[in-house]
């Protein structure tokens, strides 16, 4: 099964890792995962985001460590859809934050006669303060990548 995910993936954190693991689990042993990473231009509205090349390197390092050899494709995406509308995917894994985009993708796929993607939603991953783990909170030195509060 071919699965797609996408995001900025700045400050690779526990929420990102959960999303990635879910995508690989859903793809199964014979499947593959497409990982779309936002271009620097697309991510420019977010403050202090690492350059695309560094974000890709961090994802690749994590994927190797987890043993996901040759079961993925990483590609820069310059909009919130990437190749998900026209691509040959069976499912998309999203967070509750991006489920609206997944529904938009399915509407666009249906309009062009493509089968809608199965939408697999992961629950928000919370930090120890009960709030969602996010790259913004990590960049602002509120929490670390695992959701621990920085004192």
C-alpha atoms as a PDB file:
ATOM      1  CA  UNK A   1       0.000   0.000   0.000  1.00  0.00           C
ATOM      2  CA  UNK A   2       1.271   3.462  -0.864  1.00  0.00           C
ATOM      3  CA  UNK A   3       0.807   6.008   1.906  1.00  0.00           C
ATOM      4  CA  UNK A   4       1.479   9.743   1.873  1.00  0.00           C
ATOM      5  CA  UNK A   5       2.284  12.216   4.610  1.00  0.00           C
ATOM      6  CA  UNK A   6       3.450  15.803   4.501  1.00  0.00           C
ATOM      7  CA  UNK A   7       4.645  18.640   6.667  1.00  0.00           C
ATOM      8  CA  UNK A   8       7.388  21.084   7.493  1.00  0.00           C
ATOM      9  CA  UNK A   9       9.112  18.608   9.832  1.00  0.00           C
ATOM     10  CA  UNK A  10      11.124  21.298  11.555  1.00  0.00           C
ATOM     11  CA  UNK A  11      12.399  20.269  15.006  1.00  0.00           C
ATOM     12  CA  UNK A  12      11.598  16.581  14.428  1.00  0.00           C
ATOM     13  CA  UNK A  13       9.578  15.703  17.521  1.00  0.00           C
ATOM     14  CA  UNK A  14       7.515  12.956  19.121  1.00  0.00           C
ATOM     15  CA  UNK A  15       4.391  14.001  17.175  1.00  0.00           C
ATOM     16  CA  UNK A  16       6.247  13.803  13.844  1.00  0.00           C
ATOM     17  CA  UNK A  17       7.708  10.430  14.797  1.00  0.00           C
ATOM     18  CA  UNK A  18       4.247   9.096  15.692  1.00  0.00           C
ATOM     19  CA  UNK A  19       2.908  10.270  12.313  1.00  0.00           C
ATOM     20  CA  UNK A  20       5.812   8.647  10.463  1.00  0.00           C
ATOM     21  CA  UNK A  21       5.512   5.359  12.387  1.00  0.00           C
ATOM     22  CA  UNK A  22       1.770   5.210  11.706  1.00  0.00           C
ATOM     23  CA  UNK A  23       2.402   5.752   7.975  1.00  0.00           C
ATOM     24  CA  UNK A  24       4.931   2.900   7.817  1.00  0.00           C
ATOM     25  CA  UNK A  25       2.706   0.599   9.879  1.00  0.00           C
ATOM     26  CA  UNK A  26      -0.236   1.333   7.570  1.00  0.00           C
ATOM     27  CA  UNK A  27       1.926   0.783   4.456  1.00  0.00           C
ATOM     28  CA  UNK A  28       2.871  -2.684   5.652  1.00  0.00           C
ATOM     29  CA  UNK A  29       5.886  -4.768   4.670  1.00  0.00           C
ATOM     30  CA  UNK A  30       5.310  -4.466   0.927  1.00  0.00           C
ATOM     31  CA  UNK A  31       4.164  -0.859   0.887  1.00  0.00           C
ATOM     32  CA  UNK A  32       5.923   2.475   0.733  1.00  0.00           C
ATOM     33  CA  UNK A  33       5.593   5.936   2.206  1.00  0.00           C
ATOM     34  CA  UNK A  34       5.805   9.246   0.373  1.00  0.00           C
ATOM     35  CA  UNK A  35       7.041  12.033   2.659  1.00  0.00           C
ATOM     36  CA  UNK A  36       6.411  15.544   1.376  1.00  0.00           C
ATOM     37  CA  UNK A  37       8.485  18.216   3.099  1.00  0.00           C
ATOM     38  CA  UNK A  38       7.579  21.861   2.599  1.00  0.00           C
ATOM     39  CA  UNK A  39      10.026  23.960   0.608  1.00  0.00           C
ATOM     40  CA  UNK A  40      11.769  26.888   2.262  1.00  0.00           C
ATOM     41  CA  UNK A  41       9.564  29.253   0.272  1.00  0.00           C
ATOM     42  CA  UNK A  42       6.351  27.489   1.358  1.00  0.00           C
ATOM     43  CA  UNK A  43       7.511  27.497   5.016  1.00  0.00           C
ATOM     44  CA  UNK A  44       8.654  31.138   4.976  1.00  0.00           C
ATOM     45  CA  UNK A  45       5.709  32.321   7.125  1.00  0.00           C
ATOM     46  CA  UNK A  46       6.978  30.193  10.005  1.00  0.00           C
ATOM     47  CA  UNK A  47       9.766  31.840  11.992  1.00  0.00           C
ATOM     48  CA  UNK A  48      13.243  30.309  12.321  1.00  0.00           C
ATOM     49  CA  UNK A  49      12.525  27.119  10.373  1.00  0.00           C
ATOM     50  CA  UNK A  50      15.620  25.105   9.464  1.00  0.00           C
ATOM     51  CA  UNK A  51      16.535  25.011   5.752  1.00  0.00           C
ATOM     52  CA  UNK A  52      14.913  22.262   3.671  1.00  0.00           C
ATOM     53  CA  UNK A  53      18.214  20.409   3.176  1.00  0.00           C
ATOM     54  CA  UNK A  54      18.707  20.155   6.940  1.00  0.00           C
ATOM     55  CA  UNK A  55      15.105  19.038   7.533  1.00  0.00           C
ATOM     56  CA  UNK A  56      15.477  16.318   4.891  1.00  0.00           C
ATOM     57  CA  UNK A  57      18.766  15.157   6.450  1.00  0.00           C
ATOM     58  CA  UNK A  58      17.122  14.913   9.883  1.00  0.00           C
ATOM     59  CA  UNK A  59      14.219  12.852   8.517  1.00  0.00           C
ATOM     60  CA  UNK A  60      16.598  10.547   6.607  1.00  0.00           C
ATOM     61  CA  UNK A  61      18.706  10.032   9.736  1.00  0.00           C
ATOM     62  CA  UNK A  62      15.591   9.135  11.735  1.00  0.00           C
ATOM     63  CA  UNK A  63      14.291   6.767   9.020  1.00  0.00           C
ATOM     64  CA  UNK A  64      17.629   4.948   8.855  1.00  0.00           C
ATOM     65  CA  UNK A  65      17.753   4.631  12.646  1.00  0.00           C
ATOM     66  CA  UNK A  66      14.247   3.106  12.618  1.00  0.00           C
ATOM     67  CA  UNK A  67      15.164   0.680   9.810  1.00  0.00           C
ATOM     68  CA  UNK A  68      12.833   2.021   7.107  1.00  0.00           C
ATOM     69  CA  UNK A  69      15.348   1.279   4.326  1.00  0.00           C
ATOM     70  CA  UNK A  70      14.240   1.962   0.743  1.00  0.00           C
ATOM     71  CA  UNK A  71      10.571   1.975   1.726  1.00  0.00           C
ATOM     72  CA  UNK A  72      10.100   5.700   1.267  1.00  0.00           C
ATOM     73  CA  UNK A  73      10.419   8.658  -1.051  1.00  0.00           C
ATOM     74  CA  UNK A  74      11.138  12.140   0.253  1.00  0.00           C
ATOM     75  CA  UNK A  75      10.242  15.060  -1.972  1.00  0.00           C
ATOM     76  CA  UNK A  76       9.925  18.807  -1.443  1.00  0.00           C
ATOM     77  CA  UNK A  77       6.368  20.111  -1.766  1.00  0.00           C
ATOM     78  CA  UNK A  78       5.495  23.696  -2.566  1.00  0.00           C
ATOM     79  CA  UNK A  79       1.817  23.624  -1.548  1.00  0.00           C
ATOM     80  CA  UNK A  80      -0.353  21.812   0.978  1.00  0.00           C
ATOM     81  CA  UNK A  81      -1.389  19.135  -1.511  1.00  0.00           C
ATOM     82  CA  UNK A  82       1.896  17.981  -3.039  1.00  0.00           C
ATOM     83  CA  UNK A  83       1.292  14.987  -5.338  1.00  0.00           C
ATOM     84  CA  UNK A  84      -1.589  13.645  -3.192  1.00  0.00           C
ATOM     85  CA  UNK A  85      -4.322  14.699  -5.627  1.00  0.00           C
ATOM     86  CA  UNK A  86      -2.912  13.071  -8.745  1.00  0.00           C
ATOM     87  CA  UNK A  87      -0.664  10.472  -7.104  1.00  0.00           C
ATOM     88  CA  UNK A  88      -1.263   6.755  -6.858  1.00  0.00           C
ATOM     89  CA  UNK A  89      -1.778   6.611  -3.091  1.00  0.00           C
ATOM     90  CA  UNK A  90      -4.197   4.491  -1.071  1.00  0.00           C
ATOM     91  CA  UNK A  91      -4.151   6.498   2.162  1.00  0.00           C
ATOM     92  CA  UNK A  92      -2.953   9.658   3.842  1.00  0.00           C
ATOM     93  CA  UNK A  93      -1.895   9.850   7.481  1.00  0.00           C
ATOM     94  CA  UNK A  94      -2.652  13.178   9.152  1.00  0.00           C
ATOM     95  CA  UNK A  95      -2.896  14.816  12.541  1.00  0.00           C
ATOM     96  CA  UNK A  96      -6.112  16.394  13.772  1.00  0.00           C
ATOM     97  CA  UNK A  97      -4.470  19.675  12.770  1.00  0.00           C
ATOM     98  CA  UNK A  98      -4.363  18.693   9.064  1.00  0.00           C
ATOM     99  CA  UNK A  99      -7.445  16.498   8.620  1.00  0.00           C
ATOM    100  CA  UNK A 100      -9.246  19.388   6.901  1.00  0.00           C
ATOM    101  CA  UNK A 101      -6.591  19.366   4.149  1.00  0.00           C
ATOM    102  CA  UNK A 102      -7.000  15.581   3.713  1.00  0.00           C
ATOM    103  CA  UNK A 103     -10.746  16.078   3.173  1.00  0.00           C
ATOM    104  CA  UNK A 104      -9.974  18.812   0.605  1.00  0.00           C
ATOM    105  CA  UNK A 105      -7.611  16.425  -1.176  1.00  0.00           C
ATOM    106  CA  UNK A 106     -10.352  13.811  -1.409  1.00  0.00           C
ATOM    107  CA  UNK A 107     -12.834  16.315  -2.865  1.00  0.00           C
ATOM    108  CA  UNK A 108     -10.272  17.281  -5.512  1.00  0.00           C
ATOM    109  CA  UNK A 109      -9.493  13.609  -6.258  1.00  0.00           C
ATOM    110  CA  UNK A 110     -13.188  12.808  -6.674  1.00  0.00           C
ATOM    111  CA  UNK A 111     -13.633  15.742  -9.084  1.00  0.00           C
ATOM    112  CA  UNK A 112     -10.981  14.276 -11.392  1.00  0.00           C
ATOM    113  CA  UNK A 113     -12.319  10.719 -11.101  1.00  0.00           C
ATOM    114  CA  UNK A 114      -9.727   9.359  -8.679  1.00  0.00           C
ATOM    115  CA  UNK A 115     -10.581   7.144  -5.728  1.00  0.00           C
ATOM    116  CA  UNK A 116     -10.542   9.067  -2.418  1.00  0.00           C
ATOM    117  CA  UNK A 117      -7.702   8.358  -0.018  1.00  0.00           C
ATOM    118  CA  UNK A 118      -8.331   6.526   3.214  1.00  0.00           C
ATOM    119  CA  UNK A 119      -7.764   9.166   5.899  1.00  0.00           C
ATOM    120  CA  UNK A 120      -5.858   7.849   8.911  1.00  0.00           C
ATOM    121  CA  UNK A 121      -5.871  10.380  11.741  1.00  0.00           C
ATOM    122  CA  UNK A 122      -3.468  10.277  14.656  1.00  0.00           C
ATOM    123  CA  UNK A 123      -4.430  11.837  17.943  1.00  0.00           C
ATOM    124  CA  UNK A 124      -2.476  14.872  19.142  1.00  0.00           C
ATOM    125  CA  UNK A 125       0.666  13.975  21.038  1.00  0.00           C
ATOM    126  CA  UNK A 126       0.697  15.962  24.246  1.00  0.00           C
ATOM    127  CA  UNK A 127       3.575  17.414  26.189  1.00  0.00           C
ATOM    128  CA  UNK A 128       3.793  16.931  29.948  1.00  0.00           C
ATOM    129  CA  UNK A 129       1.857  20.199  30.396  1.00  0.00           C
ATOM    130  CA  UNK A 130      -1.131  18.662  28.567  1.00  0.00           C
ATOM    131  CA  UNK A 131      -0.738  20.847  25.469  1.00  0.00           C
ATOM    132  CA  UNK A 132       0.122  19.613  21.982  1.00  0.00           C
ATOM    133  CA  UNK A 133       3.783  19.094  21.097  1.00  0.00           C
ATOM    134  CA  UNK A 134       4.707  21.450  18.254  1.00  0.00           C
ATOM    135  CA  UNK A 135       7.829  22.745  16.560  1.00  0.00           C
ATOM    136  CA  UNK A 136       6.787  26.289  17.494  1.00  0.00           C
ATOM    137  CA  UNK A 137       6.706  25.433  21.201  1.00  0.00           C
ATOM    138  CA  UNK A 138      10.099  23.735  20.857  1.00  0.00           C
ATOM    139  CA  UNK A 139      11.595  26.732  18.993  1.00  0.00           C
ATOM    140  CA  UNK A 140      10.259  28.985  21.763  1.00  0.00           C
ATOM    141  CA  UNK A 141      12.063  26.842  24.384  1.00  0.00           C
ATOM    142  CA  UNK A 142       8.846  25.888  26.160  1.00  0.00           C
ATOM    143  CA  UNK A 143       9.258  22.118  25.661  1.00  0.00           C
ATOM    144  CA  UNK A 144      11.807  19.751  24.144  1.00  0.00           C
ATOM    145  CA  UNK A 145      11.266  17.278  21.259  1.00  0.00           C
ATOM    146  CA  UNK A 146       9.783  14.714  23.653  1.00  0.00           C
ATOM    147  CA  UNK A 147       7.343  17.126  25.294  1.00  0.00           C
ATOM    148  CA  UNK A 148       9.284  17.710  28.494  1.00  0.00           C
ATOM    149  CA  UNK A 149       8.880  21.218  29.905  1.00  0.00           C
ATOM    150  CA  UNK A 150      12.078  23.273  29.790  1.00  0.00           C
ATOM    151  CA  UNK A 151      12.622  25.050  33.072  1.00  0.00           C
END
